[in-house]
Amino acid sequence: MTSIYSTAFFSGIGLISLIFIIRYFIKKQRAHKDFDIVVITCGFFSILSLYLVVTRVIDIVNYHSGKVHTAEGICEIYFFEPDFRAPGRYDIWVDDLGLTANPDDFSYLKEETTACKVTYLKATGTLIDIELK
């Protein structure tokens, strides 16, 4: 759950920075030789940052208001070891629903296929709770 807060925060900082860069180039640097490239690239990353901020904020609001989703069925739990590119994570598949979980929060999980009931946040697919049966 803490990764949602940090992603929202850093994406928000990035979005604000990119908006200031685009604004600066549009107002002051129209004659700059890389004007088009800078504006298009910053525009793309601004849209990406906006998407990350909006989905995380939706899930944060839903989590604090108690609007979480549940699913029940056969769970396939996979663990991905941490490496130099990414920290470890669990991928949980409940029928056709894919969820991710932080191994620090769910250290008791192991790779298996079993019946379960999960509680999750819909916009980011983050696991809140899992009840193995």
N, C-alpha and C. Protein backbone atom coordinates (compact mmCIF):
# COMPACT_ATOMS: atom_id res chain seq x y z
N MET A 1 0.83 -1.20 0.00
CA MET A 1 0.00 0.00 0.00
C MET A 1 0.87 1.25 0.00
N THR A 2 2.04 1.19 0.62
CA THR A 2 2.89 2.38 0.66
C THR A 2 3.41 2.75 -0.73
N SER A 3 3.51 1.75 -1.61
CA SER A 3 3.99 2.07 -2.97
C SER A 3 2.99 2.94 -3.72
N ILE A 4 1.71 2.82 -3.39
CA ILE A 4 0.71 3.66 -4.04
C ILE A 4 0.91 5.12 -3.64
N TYR A 5 1.17 5.35 -2.36
CA TYR A 5 1.40 6.72 -1.89
C TYR A 5 2.67 7.31 -2.51
N SER A 6 3.74 6.54 -2.53
CA SER A 6 5.00 7.08 -3.07
C SER A 6 4.91 7.30 -4.58
N THR A 7 4.25 6.41 -5.30
CA THR A 7 4.09 6.60 -6.74
C THR A 7 3.24 7.84 -7.03
N ALA A 8 2.18 8.03 -6.27
CA ALA A 8 1.34 9.21 -6.46
C ALA A 8 2.14 10.49 -6.18
N PHE A 9 2.93 10.46 -5.12
CA PHE A 9 3.72 11.65 -4.74
C PHE A 9 4.75 11.99 -5.81
N PHE A 10 5.57 11.01 -6.19
CA PHE A 10 6.63 11.28 -7.16
C PHE A 10 6.09 11.55 -8.56
N SER A 11 5.00 10.93 -8.93
CA SER A 11 4.38 11.23 -10.22
C SER A 11 3.82 12.65 -10.21
N GLY A 12 3.27 13.07 -9.09
CA GLY A 12 2.78 14.45 -8.97
C GLY A 12 3.90 15.46 -9.08
N ILE A 13 5.02 15.18 -8.43
CA ILE A 13 6.19 16.07 -8.54
C ILE A 13 6.67 16.12 -9.99
N GLY A 14 6.74 14.97 -10.64
CA GLY A 14 7.15 14.93 -12.05
C GLY A 14 6.19 15.68 -12.94
N LEU A 15 4.89 15.53 -12.70
CA LEU A 15 3.89 16.23 -13.50
C LEU A 15 4.04 17.74 -13.36
N ILE A 16 4.21 18.21 -12.16
CA ILE A 16 4.38 19.66 -11.94
C ILE A 16 5.64 20.16 -12.63
N SER A 17 6.73 19.41 -12.52
CA SER A 17 7.99 19.80 -13.17
C SER A 17 7.83 19.85 -14.69
N LEU A 18 7.20 18.84 -15.24
CA LEU A 18 7.02 18.80 -16.70
C LEU A 18 6.13 19.94 -17.19
N ILE A 19 5.12 20.29 -16.42
CA ILE A 19 4.26 21.41 -16.79
C ILE A 19 5.05 22.71 -16.83
N PHE A 20 5.93 22.90 -15.84
CA PHE A 20 6.76 24.11 -15.83
C PHE A 20 7.74 24.12 -17.00
N ILE A 21 8.29 22.96 -17.36
CA ILE A 21 9.21 22.90 -18.50
C ILE A 21 8.47 23.23 -19.80
N ILE A 22 7.30 22.64 -19.99
CA ILE A 22 6.52 22.93 -21.20
C ILE A 22 6.15 24.41 -21.25
N ARG A 23 5.71 24.95 -20.13
CA ARG A 23 5.33 26.37 -20.06
C ARG A 23 6.52 27.26 -20.41
N TYR A 24 7.70 26.94 -19.85
CA TYR A 24 8.90 27.72 -20.12
C TYR A 24 9.25 27.70 -21.60
N PHE A 25 9.22 26.51 -22.21
CA PHE A 25 9.59 26.42 -23.62
C PHE A 25 8.57 27.10 -24.52
N ILE A 26 7.31 27.03 -24.17
CA ILE A 26 6.29 27.68 -25.01
C ILE A 26 6.39 29.19 -24.91
N LYS A 27 6.66 29.72 -23.72
CA LYS A 27 6.71 31.18 -23.54
C LYS A 27 8.04 31.78 -23.98
N LYS A 28 9.17 31.12 -23.66
CA LYS A 28 10.47 31.77 -23.83
C LYS A 28 11.33 31.20 -24.95
N GLN A 29 11.18 29.93 -25.28
CA GLN A 29 12.14 29.28 -26.16
C GLN A 29 11.53 28.79 -27.47
N ARG A 30 10.59 29.49 -28.04
CA ARG A 30 9.97 29.05 -29.30
C ARG A 30 10.99 28.93 -30.43
N ALA A 31 12.02 29.71 -30.41
CA ALA A 31 13.03 29.69 -31.47
C ALA A 31 14.11 28.63 -31.21
N HIS A 32 14.06 27.95 -30.10
CA HIS A 32 15.07 26.93 -29.78
C HIS A 32 15.01 25.81 -30.81
N LYS A 33 16.17 25.27 -31.20
CA LYS A 33 16.21 24.27 -32.26
C LYS A 33 15.50 22.96 -31.88
N ASP A 34 15.41 22.64 -30.61
CA ASP A 34 14.76 21.41 -30.16
C ASP A 34 13.39 21.66 -29.54
N PHE A 35 12.76 22.76 -29.90
CA PHE A 35 11.48 23.13 -29.31
C PHE A 35 10.43 22.03 -29.47
N ASP A 36 10.25 21.54 -30.70
CA ASP A 36 9.22 20.52 -30.96
C ASP A 36 9.49 19.24 -30.18
N ILE A 37 10.73 18.80 -30.19
CA ILE A 37 11.08 17.55 -29.50
C ILE A 37 10.84 17.67 -28.00
N VAL A 38 11.24 18.79 -27.42
CA VAL A 38 11.07 18.99 -25.98
C VAL A 38 9.59 19.03 -25.61
N VAL A 39 8.79 19.76 -26.35
CA VAL A 39 7.37 19.89 -26.04
C VAL A 39 6.64 18.57 -26.23
N ILE A 40 6.93 17.83 -27.31
CA ILE A 40 6.28 16.55 -27.54
C ILE A 40 6.68 15.52 -26.48
N THR A 41 7.98 15.44 -26.18
CA THR A 41 8.45 14.49 -25.17
C THR A 41 7.90 14.81 -23.80
N CYS A 42 7.96 16.06 -23.40
CA CYS A 42 7.42 16.45 -22.09
C CYS A 42 5.91 16.27 -22.05
N GLY A 43 5.23 16.51 -23.17
CA GLY A 43 3.78 16.28 -23.22
C GLY A 43 3.44 14.82 -23.01
N PHE A 44 4.20 13.92 -23.65
CA PHE A 44 3.98 12.49 -23.47
C PHE A 44 4.18 12.07 -22.02
N PHE A 45 5.29 12.51 -21.42
CA PHE A 45 5.54 12.14 -20.03
C PHE A 45 4.57 12.83 -19.05
N SER A 46 4.05 13.97 -19.44
CA SER A 46 3.02 14.62 -18.62
C SER A 46 1.74 13.80 -18.60
N ILE A 47 1.35 13.28 -19.75
CA ILE A 47 0.16 12.43 -19.82
C ILE A 47 0.36 11.16 -19.01
N LEU A 48 1.55 10.56 -19.11
CA LEU A 48 1.86 9.37 -18.33
C LEU A 48 1.82 9.66 -16.83
N SER A 49 2.41 10.76 -16.41
CA SER A 49 2.40 11.14 -15.00
C SER A 49 0.99 11.44 -14.52
N LEU A 50 0.20 12.09 -15.34
CA LEU A 50 -1.19 12.38 -14.98
C LEU A 50 -1.97 11.09 -14.78
N TYR A 51 -1.78 10.11 -15.66
CA TYR A 51 -2.44 8.81 -15.51
C TYR A 51 -2.05 8.14 -14.19
N LEU A 52 -0.74 8.14 -13.88
CA LEU A 52 -0.28 7.52 -12.63
C LEU A 52 -0.87 8.22 -11.41
N VAL A 53 -0.89 9.54 -11.43
CA VAL A 53 -1.43 10.29 -10.29
C VAL A 53 -2.92 10.01 -10.12
N VAL A 54 -3.67 10.06 -11.21
CA VAL A 54 -5.12 9.89 -11.13
C VAL A 54 -5.49 8.49 -10.63
N THR A 55 -4.86 7.45 -11.18
CA THR A 55 -5.21 6.09 -10.74
C THR A 55 -4.84 5.86 -9.28
N ARG A 56 -3.71 6.40 -8.85
CA ARG A 56 -3.30 6.23 -7.44
C ARG A 56 -4.22 7.01 -6.51
N VAL A 57 -4.58 8.22 -6.88
CA VAL A 57 -5.48 9.02 -6.04
C VAL A 57 -6.85 8.36 -5.94
N ILE A 58 -7.34 7.81 -7.04
CA ILE A 58 -8.63 7.10 -7.01
C ILE A 58 -8.56 5.95 -6.00
N ASP A 59 -7.48 5.17 -6.05
CA ASP A 59 -7.36 4.05 -5.12
C ASP A 59 -7.16 4.51 -3.68
N ILE A 60 -6.43 5.57 -3.46
CA ILE A 60 -6.24 6.08 -2.09
C ILE A 60 -7.58 6.53 -1.52
N VAL A 61 -8.37 7.25 -2.31
CA VAL A 61 -9.69 7.70 -1.85
C VAL A 61 -10.60 6.51 -1.58
N ASN A 62 -10.62 5.55 -2.50
CA ASN A 62 -11.45 4.36 -2.31
C ASN A 62 -11.02 3.54 -1.10
N TYR A 63 -9.73 3.44 -0.85
CA TYR A 63 -9.23 2.69 0.31
C TYR A 63 -9.68 3.33 1.61
N HIS A 64 -9.55 4.65 1.69
CA HIS A 64 -9.92 5.35 2.93
C HIS A 64 -11.43 5.45 3.13
N SER A 65 -12.19 5.35 2.05
CA SER A 65 -13.64 5.38 2.19
C SER A 65 -14.23 3.98 2.30
N GLY A 66 -13.38 2.96 2.20
CA GLY A 66 -13.85 1.58 2.35
C GLY A 66 -14.45 0.98 1.11
N LYS A 67 -14.25 1.61 -0.03
CA LYS A 67 -14.81 1.09 -1.29
C LYS A 67 -13.79 0.18 -1.97
N VAL A 68 -13.57 -0.98 -1.37
CA VAL A 68 -12.66 -1.95 -1.94
C VAL A 68 -13.46 -3.06 -2.61
N HIS A 69 -12.84 -3.78 -3.52
CA HIS A 69 -13.50 -4.85 -4.25
C HIS A 69 -13.04 -6.19 -3.73
N THR A 70 -13.89 -7.19 -3.87
CA THR A 70 -13.53 -8.54 -3.47
C THR A 70 -13.76 -9.49 -4.64
N ALA A 71 -13.00 -10.56 -4.62
CA ALA A 71 -13.16 -11.62 -5.62
C ALA A 71 -12.88 -12.94 -4.93
N GLU A 72 -13.51 -13.98 -5.43
CA GLU A 72 -13.36 -15.30 -4.84
C GLU A 72 -13.21 -16.31 -5.96
N GLY A 73 -12.32 -17.27 -5.76
CA GLY A 73 -12.12 -18.29 -6.77
C GLY A 73 -10.82 -19.03 -6.54
N ILE A 74 -10.30 -19.59 -7.60
CA ILE A 74 -9.03 -20.32 -7.55
C ILE A 74 -7.89 -19.33 -7.78
N CYS A 75 -7.00 -19.24 -6.79
CA CYS A 75 -5.87 -18.30 -6.86
C CYS A 75 -4.62 -19.03 -7.31
N GLU A 76 -3.94 -18.45 -8.27
CA GLU A 76 -2.62 -18.90 -8.66
C GLU A 76 -1.64 -17.83 -8.19
N ILE A 77 -0.76 -18.20 -7.27
CA ILE A 77 0.16 -17.24 -6.66
C ILE A 77 1.55 -17.50 -7.21
N TYR A 78 2.17 -16.44 -7.73
CA TYR A 78 3.52 -16.51 -8.28
C TYR A 78 4.38 -15.48 -7.56
N PHE A 79 5.63 -15.85 -7.27
CA PHE A 79 6.56 -14.93 -6.64
C PHE A 79 7.69 -14.62 -7.61
N PHE A 80 7.97 -13.33 -7.76
CA PHE A 80 9.07 -12.89 -8.60
C PHE A 80 10.17 -12.35 -7.70
N GLU A 81 11.34 -12.97 -7.80
CA GLU A 81 12.49 -12.59 -6.98
C GLU A 81 12.94 -11.17 -7.31
N PRO A 82 13.45 -10.46 -6.30
CA PRO A 82 14.00 -9.13 -6.58
C PRO A 82 15.29 -9.25 -7.41
N ASP A 83 15.51 -8.29 -8.27
CA ASP A 83 16.76 -8.22 -9.02
C ASP A 83 17.20 -6.77 -9.12
N PHE A 84 18.19 -6.50 -9.94
CA PHE A 84 18.71 -5.15 -10.02
C PHE A 84 17.74 -4.16 -10.64
N ARG A 85 16.70 -4.64 -11.34
CA ARG A 85 15.75 -3.74 -11.99
C ARG A 85 14.51 -3.46 -11.16
N ALA A 86 14.10 -4.43 -10.36
CA ALA A 86 12.82 -4.28 -9.66
C ALA A 86 12.85 -5.05 -8.34
N PRO A 87 12.10 -4.56 -7.37
CA PRO A 87 11.97 -5.31 -6.12
C PRO A 87 11.09 -6.54 -6.35
N GLY A 88 11.12 -7.46 -5.42
CA GLY A 88 10.29 -8.65 -5.54
C GLY A 88 8.81 -8.31 -5.44
N ARG A 89 7.98 -9.22 -5.95
CA ARG A 89 6.54 -9.00 -5.89
C ARG A 89 5.82 -10.33 -6.05
N TYR A 90 4.58 -10.34 -5.59
CA TYR A 90 3.69 -11.46 -5.83
C TYR A 90 2.71 -11.07 -6.92
N ASP A 91 2.48 -11.98 -7.84
CA ASP A 91 1.39 -11.83 -8.80
C ASP A 91 0.36 -12.88 -8.43
N ILE A 92 -0.87 -12.43 -8.20
CA ILE A 92 -1.95 -13.33 -7.83
C ILE A 92 -3.01 -13.26 -8.92
N TRP A 93 -3.35 -14.41 -9.46
CA TRP A 93 -4.40 -14.49 -10.48
C TRP A 93 -5.59 -15.21 -9.90
N VAL A 94 -6.73 -14.53 -9.85
CA VAL A 94 -7.99 -15.12 -9.42
C VAL A 94 -8.85 -15.17 -10.67
N ASP A 95 -8.97 -16.37 -11.22
CA ASP A 95 -9.61 -16.57 -12.51
C ASP A 95 -8.92 -15.67 -13.55
N ASP A 96 -9.56 -14.62 -14.06
CA ASP A 96 -8.93 -13.74 -15.05
C ASP A 96 -8.49 -12.41 -14.46
N LEU A 97 -8.53 -12.26 -13.17
CA LEU A 97 -8.17 -11.01 -12.49
C LEU A 97 -6.73 -11.08 -12.01
N GLY A 98 -5.89 -10.16 -12.48
CA GLY A 98 -4.49 -10.12 -12.08
C GLY A 98 -4.25 -9.05 -11.03
N LEU A 99 -3.62 -9.44 -9.92
CA LEU A 99 -3.32 -8.52 -8.82
C LEU A 99 -1.85 -8.59 -8.48
N THR A 100 -1.32 -7.52 -7.89
CA THR A 100 0.06 -7.52 -7.43
C THR A 100 0.08 -7.27 -5.92
N ALA A 101 1.11 -7.80 -5.27
CA ALA A 101 1.24 -7.63 -3.83
C ALA A 101 2.71 -7.47 -3.47
N ASN A 102 2.95 -6.70 -2.44
CA ASN A 102 4.29 -6.48 -1.92
C ASN A 102 4.67 -7.66 -1.02
N PRO A 103 5.84 -8.28 -1.22
CA PRO A 103 6.23 -9.42 -0.39
C PRO A 103 6.45 -9.05 1.08
N ASP A 104 6.75 -7.79 1.37
CA ASP A 104 6.91 -7.38 2.76
C ASP A 104 5.58 -7.44 3.51
N ASP A 105 4.48 -7.15 2.83
CA ASP A 105 3.16 -7.17 3.45
C ASP A 105 2.57 -8.57 3.51
N PHE A 106 2.97 -9.44 2.61
CA PHE A 106 2.39 -10.79 2.52
C PHE A 106 3.50 -11.84 2.53
N SER A 107 4.34 -11.80 3.54
CA SER A 107 5.48 -12.70 3.61
C SER A 107 5.07 -14.15 3.82
N TYR A 108 3.87 -14.41 4.28
CA TYR A 108 3.40 -15.76 4.54
C TYR A 108 2.95 -16.49 3.27
N LEU A 109 2.82 -15.78 2.16
CA LEU A 109 2.38 -16.43 0.92
C LEU A 109 3.51 -17.26 0.32
N LYS A 110 3.12 -18.29 -0.40
CA LYS A 110 4.07 -19.09 -1.15
C LYS A 110 3.45 -19.41 -2.51
N GLU A 111 4.28 -19.82 -3.43
CA GLU A 111 3.76 -20.14 -4.76
C GLU A 111 2.89 -21.38 -4.67
N GLU A 112 1.63 -21.22 -5.06
CA GLU A 112 0.70 -22.34 -5.02
C GLU A 112 -0.56 -21.99 -5.79
N THR A 113 -1.39 -22.99 -5.98
CA THR A 113 -2.72 -22.81 -6.55
C THR A 113 -3.71 -23.31 -5.53
N THR A 114 -4.58 -22.43 -5.07
CA THR A 114 -5.52 -22.78 -4.00
C THR A 114 -6.77 -21.90 -4.12
N ALA A 115 -7.80 -22.28 -3.41
CA ALA A 115 -9.00 -21.44 -3.34
C ALA A 115 -8.73 -20.27 -2.40
N CYS A 116 -9.27 -19.12 -2.73
CA CYS A 116 -9.03 -17.96 -1.88
C CYS A 116 -10.11 -16.90 -2.11
N LYS A 117 -10.08 -15.92 -1.22
CA LYS A 117 -10.92 -14.74 -1.33
C LYS A 117 -9.99 -13.55 -1.17
N VAL A 118 -10.02 -12.61 -2.12
CA VAL A 118 -9.12 -11.47 -2.09
C VAL A 118 -9.89 -10.16 -1.99
N THR A 119 -9.27 -9.20 -1.35
CA THR A 119 -9.76 -7.83 -1.30
C THR A 119 -8.70 -6.98 -1.98
N TYR A 120 -9.11 -6.12 -2.92
CA TYR A 120 -8.14 -5.39 -3.72
C TYR A 120 -8.66 -4.02 -4.11
N LEU A 121 -7.74 -3.19 -4.59
CA LEU A 121 -8.07 -1.88 -5.14
C LEU A 121 -8.14 -2.01 -6.65
N LYS A 122 -9.21 -1.56 -7.25
CA LYS A 122 -9.49 -1.85 -8.65
C LYS A 122 -8.61 -1.08 -9.64
N ALA A 123 -8.37 0.19 -9.42
CA ALA A 123 -7.66 1.00 -10.42
C ALA A 123 -6.22 0.54 -10.62
N THR A 124 -5.55 0.13 -9.56
CA THR A 124 -4.15 -0.29 -9.68
C THR A 124 -3.97 -1.79 -9.56
N GLY A 125 -5.00 -2.52 -9.19
CA GLY A 125 -4.88 -3.96 -9.04
C GLY A 125 -3.99 -4.35 -7.88
N THR A 126 -4.03 -3.59 -6.80
CA THR A 126 -3.20 -3.84 -5.63
C THR A 126 -3.96 -4.68 -4.61
N LEU A 127 -3.33 -5.72 -4.14
CA LEU A 127 -3.94 -6.61 -3.16
C LEU A 127 -3.94 -5.96 -1.79
N ILE A 128 -5.08 -5.99 -1.11
CA ILE A 128 -5.20 -5.46 0.25
C ILE A 128 -5.17 -6.61 1.25
N ASP A 129 -5.95 -7.66 0.96
CA ASP A 129 -6.03 -8.79 1.89
C ASP A 129 -6.33 -10.05 1.09
N ILE A 130 -5.83 -11.16 1.60
CA ILE A 130 -6.09 -12.44 0.96
C ILE A 130 -6.42 -13.46 2.05
N GLU A 131 -7.45 -14.23 1.80
CA GLU A 131 -7.88 -15.28 2.74
C GLU A 131 -7.80 -16.61 1.99
N LEU A 132 -6.81 -17.41 2.36
CA LEU A 132 -6.63 -18.71 1.71
C LEU A 132 -7.58 -19.71 2.34
N LYS A 133 -8.14 -20.58 1.50
CA LYS A 133 -9.10 -21.56 2.02
C LYS A 133 -8.54 -22.96 1.92
